[in-house]
Protein backbone atom coordinates (compact mmCIF):
# COMPACT_ATOMS: atom_id res chain seq x y z
CA MET A 1 0.00 0.00 0.00
CA ASN A 2 1.19 3.51 -0.81
CA ASN A 3 2.73 5.35 2.16
CA LEU A 4 0.66 8.45 1.48
CA VAL A 5 -2.53 6.43 1.82
CA LYS A 6 -1.35 4.89 5.09
CA GLU A 7 -0.33 8.25 6.51
CA ILE A 8 -3.56 10.09 5.73
CA ALA A 9 -5.61 7.16 7.02
CA ASN A 10 -3.68 7.26 10.31
CA VAL A 11 -4.21 11.02 10.64
CA PHE A 12 -7.94 10.60 10.05
CA LYS A 13 -8.15 7.76 12.58
CA LEU A 14 -6.46 9.89 15.25
CA ASN A 15 -9.07 12.62 14.72
CA ALA A 16 -12.13 10.36 14.53
CA ASP A 17 -15.26 11.35 16.40
CA ASP A 18 -17.94 8.67 16.71
CA ALA A 19 -20.71 11.13 17.56
CA VAL A 20 -19.98 13.28 14.51
CA ALA A 21 -19.61 10.14 12.40
CA ALA A 22 -23.11 9.00 13.31
CA GLY A 23 -24.57 12.32 12.20
CA MET A 24 -22.63 12.31 8.95
CA LYS A 25 -23.74 8.77 8.20
CA ALA A 26 -27.37 9.68 8.84
CA TYR A 27 -27.08 12.74 6.56
CA MET A 28 -25.87 10.45 3.80
CA LYS A 29 -28.87 8.16 4.25
CA ASN A 30 -26.67 5.52 5.96
CA GLN A 31 -24.91 4.83 2.67
CA PHE A 32 -21.39 5.09 4.10
CA ASP A 33 -19.36 4.96 7.29
CA PHE A 34 -17.33 7.96 8.42
CA TYR A 35 -14.44 8.76 10.72
CA GLY A 36 -16.49 11.73 11.84
CA ILE A 37 -14.30 14.56 10.54
CA LYS A 38 -16.18 17.58 9.30
CA SER A 39 -15.02 19.21 6.08
CA PRO A 40 -13.10 22.21 7.55
CA LEU A 41 -11.06 19.99 9.88
CA ARG A 42 -10.52 17.34 7.22
CA LYS A 43 -9.16 19.91 4.80
CA GLU A 44 -6.85 21.27 7.49
CA LEU A 45 -5.59 17.78 8.36
CA GLN A 46 -4.91 16.82 4.77
CA LYS A 47 -3.42 20.17 3.74
CA PRO A 48 0.23 19.10 4.38
CA PHE A 49 -0.29 16.05 2.17
CA LEU A 50 -1.51 18.18 -0.74
CA GLU A 51 1.28 20.75 -0.75
CA LYS A 52 2.87 21.10 -4.16
CA SER A 53 6.19 19.71 -2.98
CA LYS A 54 4.50 16.67 -1.44
CA LEU A 55 2.26 15.68 -4.33
CA PRO A 56 2.86 12.19 -5.73
CA LYS A 57 4.10 11.60 -9.25
CA ILE A 58 1.27 11.78 -11.73
CA GLU A 59 1.82 8.14 -12.73
CA ASN A 60 1.05 7.09 -9.14
CA VAL A 61 -2.13 9.10 -8.68
CA SER A 62 -4.52 6.51 -10.08
CA GLN A 63 -3.30 3.76 -7.77
CA ILE A 64 -3.46 6.08 -4.75
CA ALA A 65 -7.04 7.01 -5.60
CA ILE A 66 -8.00 3.34 -5.97
CA GLU A 67 -6.39 2.44 -2.64
CA CYS A 68 -8.24 5.29 -0.90
CA TRP A 69 -11.47 4.09 -2.50
CA GLN A 70 -11.00 0.65 -0.96
CA TYR A 71 -11.36 2.10 2.54
CA PRO A 72 -14.87 1.94 4.03
CA LYS A 73 -14.64 5.45 5.52
CA ARG A 74 -15.98 8.22 3.30
CA GLU A 75 -13.31 10.74 4.27
CA MET A 76 -10.74 8.61 2.42
CA HIS A 77 -12.80 8.92 -0.74
CA TYR A 78 -12.95 12.69 -0.27
CA PHE A 79 -9.18 12.81 0.08
CA ALA A 80 -8.77 10.87 -3.16
CA LEU A 81 -10.98 13.38 -4.95
CA ASP A 82 -9.17 16.37 -3.45
CA LEU A 83 -5.91 14.85 -4.66
CA LEU A 84 -7.32 14.34 -8.15
CA ASP A 85 -8.63 17.90 -8.14
CA LYS A 86 -5.22 19.19 -7.08
CA VAL A 87 -3.50 17.55 -10.06
CA SER A 88 -6.45 17.73 -12.47
CA LYS A 89 -4.70 20.02 -14.95
CA LYS A 90 -2.00 17.38 -15.38
CA LEU A 91 -4.42 14.52 -15.92
CA SER A 92 -5.00 13.15 -19.40
CA PRO A 93 -8.07 11.61 -21.07
CA GLN A 94 -6.58 8.24 -20.10
CA HIS A 95 -7.46 9.08 -16.50
CA LEU A 96 -11.13 9.21 -17.45
CA ILE A 97 -11.10 5.41 -17.29
CA LEU A 98 -10.25 5.77 -13.59
CA VAL A 99 -12.92 8.44 -13.26
CA GLU A 100 -15.56 6.11 -14.68
CA GLU A 101 -14.53 3.38 -12.24
CA LEU A 102 -14.80 5.72 -9.25
CA VAL A 103 -18.16 7.10 -10.36
CA GLN A 104 -19.62 3.60 -10.54
CA SER A 105 -18.17 2.42 -7.23
CA LYS A 106 -19.53 3.52 -3.83
CA SER A 107 -21.70 5.95 -5.75
CA TRP A 108 -23.60 8.85 -4.26
CA TRP A 109 -24.11 12.46 -5.20
CA ASP A 110 -21.28 13.80 -3.02
CA THR A 111 -18.47 12.01 -4.82
CA VAL A 112 -20.07 11.89 -8.26
CA ASP A 113 -20.58 15.65 -8.35
CA LEU A 114 -17.02 16.40 -7.27
CA ILE A 115 -15.64 14.02 -9.89
CA SER A 116 -17.91 15.42 -12.60
CA THR A 117 -17.22 19.10 -12.11
CA LYS A 118 -13.65 19.17 -10.79
CA VAL A 119 -11.97 16.17 -12.41
CA SER A 120 -13.67 15.00 -15.61
CA GLY A 121 -14.78 18.54 -16.39
CA THR A 122 -11.21 19.84 -16.12
CA ILE A 123 -9.73 16.99 -18.16
CA LEU A 124 -12.14 17.52 -21.04
CA LEU A 125 -11.87 21.30 -20.91
CA ASN A 126 -8.13 20.84 -21.45
CA ASN A 127 -8.71 18.21 -24.13
CA PRO A 128 -11.72 19.51 -26.09
CA GLU A 129 -11.04 17.18 -29.02
CA ARG A 130 -12.17 14.28 -26.80
CA ILE A 131 -15.41 15.85 -25.52
CA ASN A 132 -17.71 14.35 -28.16
CA GLU A 133 -16.28 10.88 -27.61
CA PHE A 134 -16.72 10.78 -23.86
CA ALA A 135 -19.91 12.82 -23.77
CA SER A 136 -21.61 10.38 -26.15
CA LYS A 137 -20.39 7.42 -24.12
CA TRP A 138 -21.64 8.87 -20.84
CA ASN A 139 -24.97 9.94 -22.28
CA LEU A 140 -25.85 6.40 -23.38
CA HIS A 141 -24.20 4.54 -20.52
CA PRO A 142 -26.40 2.08 -18.57
CA ASN A 143 -25.17 3.44 -15.23
CA MET A 144 -27.28 6.32 -13.90
CA TRP A 145 -24.34 8.01 -12.16
CA ILE A 146 -22.34 8.06 -15.39
CA ASN A 147 -25.36 9.71 -17.03
CA ARG A 148 -25.34 12.31 -14.26
CA MET A 149 -21.66 12.98 -14.93
CA GLY A 150 -22.45 13.43 -18.61
CA ILE A 151 -24.99 16.10 -17.71
CA LEU A 152 -22.80 17.88 -15.17
CA PHE A 153 -19.24 17.80 -16.49
CA GLN A 154 -19.67 21.20 -18.22
CA LEU A 155 -21.20 22.81 -15.14
CA LYS A 156 -18.42 25.40 -14.72
CA TYR A 157 -17.64 25.94 -18.41
CA LYS A 158 -19.75 29.13 -18.74
CA GLN A 159 -19.11 30.59 -22.22
CA LYS A 160 -17.11 27.50 -23.16
CA THR A 161 -20.13 25.26 -22.70
CA ASN A 162 -21.06 23.20 -25.74
CA SER A 163 -24.78 23.92 -25.54
CA ASP A 164 -25.65 21.31 -28.17
CA ILE A 165 -24.12 18.57 -26.01
CA LEU A 166 -25.66 19.96 -22.83
CA PHE A 167 -29.18 20.15 -24.26
CA HIS A 168 -28.86 16.80 -26.02
CA HIS A 169 -27.94 15.12 -22.73
CA CYS A 170 -30.73 16.86 -20.86
CA LEU A 171 -33.30 15.91 -23.48
CA THR A 172 -32.08 12.31 -23.67
CA HIS A 173 -32.91 11.89 -19.98
CA ALA A 174 -35.79 14.36 -19.72
CA SER A 175 -38.34 11.62 -19.00
CA SER A 176 -36.21 9.85 -16.39
CA ASN A 177 -37.90 9.13 -13.07
CA GLU A 178 -34.54 9.12 -11.26
CA PHE A 179 -34.41 11.96 -8.75
CA PHE A 180 -30.66 12.45 -9.23
CA ILE A 181 -31.06 12.72 -13.00
CA GLN A 182 -33.95 15.18 -12.79
CA LYS A 183 -31.96 17.24 -10.28
CA ALA A 184 -28.83 17.17 -12.45
CA ILE A 185 -30.76 18.39 -15.49
CA GLY A 186 -32.21 21.27 -13.52
CA TRP A 187 -28.85 22.14 -11.99
CA ALA A 188 -27.04 22.10 -15.33
CA LEU A 189 -29.70 24.23 -17.01
CA ARG A 190 -29.79 26.66 -14.09
CA GLU A 191 -26.01 27.09 -14.18
CA TYR A 192 -25.98 27.66 -17.93
CA SER A 193 -28.84 30.15 -17.58
CA LYS A 194 -26.28 32.47 -15.97
CA THR A 195 -24.58 32.57 -19.38
CA ASN A 196 -27.47 32.23 -21.81
CA PRO A 197 -30.83 32.68 -20.05
CA LEU A 198 -32.96 33.15 -23.17
CA LEU A 199 -31.72 29.94 -24.76
CA VAL A 200 -32.24 27.95 -21.56
CA GLN A 201 -35.74 29.33 -21.12
CA SER A 202 -36.59 28.47 -24.73
CA ILE A 203 -35.34 24.89 -24.34
CA ILE A 204 -37.32 24.41 -21.14
CA GLU A 205 -40.53 25.89 -22.56
CA LYS A 206 -40.37 23.87 -25.78
CA ASN A 207 -39.74 20.49 -24.17
CA ASN A 208 -41.40 18.22 -21.67
CA PHE A 209 -39.02 18.16 -18.72
CA LYS A 210 -40.00 16.79 -15.33
CA PRO A 211 -41.32 19.40 -12.86
CA LEU A 212 -38.20 19.16 -10.67
CA SER A 213 -35.94 19.86 -13.64
CA VAL A 214 -38.10 22.80 -14.72
CA ARG A 215 -38.21 24.25 -11.22
CA GLU A 216 -34.45 24.04 -10.79
CA GLY A 217 -33.64 25.12 -14.32
CA MET A 218 -35.86 28.22 -14.21
CA ARG A 219 -34.94 29.37 -10.71
CA ILE A 220 -32.49 32.14 -11.66
CA ILE A 221 -34.44 33.18 -14.75
CA LEU A 222 -37.63 33.68 -12.74
CA LYS A 223 -35.82 35.65 -10.04
CA THR A 224 -34.27 37.90 -12.68
CA ASN A 225 -37.67 38.55 -14.30
CA LEU A 226 -39.36 39.54 -11.05
């Protein structure tokens, strides 16, 4: 096992709080176990491990992330994602294979959203020639969480958003009864409405999205029109 993984796990264990862990587990619908380290403390504890001079070689990052993912405690998964975020500009499209594995394993909105917006989104923004390839794959993937990533990976692109891909993904899954898909559609449309509100409003009004997606997607537009 990588020494970095052992060291961060030991630091987290030393700062575990069972009472806090119980609350965190309940908040996550009992999906995962926790050490019981709230986000501000966790980020402070892991800060020395993410200093530029301490970062692992890029060729070792995938294995470190996988080893962290094998731990049952959710904070280890968060550390893996913070590490990937830290080196995201150095990651290549090859790392999207790792991303897909992580999204489909121990899946819940907290990790999937971080991966989508901070890791896969950054990789594809830096490698735009691969966007169509991966976007198409994610859009038609049988795994719901991969679909969610396909909807959300452009969330922070603003003017660089490929609106054709965004709307195509949203429309592909517009009839989905999955809460997390409906929510993702609304979130993605709402975020893009900050850049192109008229286009987003037109897409919503001309298509049959689920009420949750419409409510979320129109939130900023309606506030602006008041």
